[in-house]
């Protein structure tokens, strides 16, 4: 190969490598974010046939990306599928997962935790109240597939957990008498149930929530090349300068 040929080959290799990272020299890094519809945290809507993304976690990430010059592409998938994409490197980021030892094997949780959200327990309107986890022993309880809820609930024995890919399906099953209860983040339940007319109510039992995070796939070059640090620092600064609080207040003020 001639000297000119070698230089061309080196150039093409460099371009190919840049393309696999989602960016070219002089361009902002483009990251794939795995999301599912879970208002008010992640709101996936459509206007005139075009997707529109909003919500607490998405607004937080968009502001951090603006501060660090990152470009984001969203991939709408069920929660369990999002976890799989993070494990295989099919997505760079995920919004709002709780941290567990199993997930830490394939995700790095950025050091700017999002506020913990209490988990509500919903039951049929005519059913007896649930005051303690022991009241659910031997009962069927609906949960989001792949979700982590609360240490006490996740490790409780004798509860028959029924999984679904979305909470509306679980609420419908509860309304039909097929479940004793559904475990769901409080704000999310308020938002999802507003347009529905299910004969269900909130039980007295409330489970403490775990902090949520913005996570980076350990299989992503955004992580392996340690390019996530700028995003992490921006999120920490946003938490300290009040940006987190302002975003949360915006959605709390909507009556959710």
Foldseek 3Di string as FASTA:
>chain_A
DDPVVVVVVVVVVQVVVQVVQQHDPPAAGEFEEEDEDQPQAWHWDDDPRHIDIHHLQVVLLVVLCVVVRHHYDYDYDFPVVNLVCLQVVVGFKYTWAFDDPVSVVWKDFQPQWADFFKKWKKAALPDDFDDDVVVQAQFEEEEEPPHDWAVCVVPDPRHHYDYDRDVVVVLVCRLVVNGGIYIGGDNSCVVVCVVPDGRMDTHPDMGTGGTTGMITTCPRCCPVVVVCVSSSVSSNVCVVVCVSVVSVCVRVVVVD
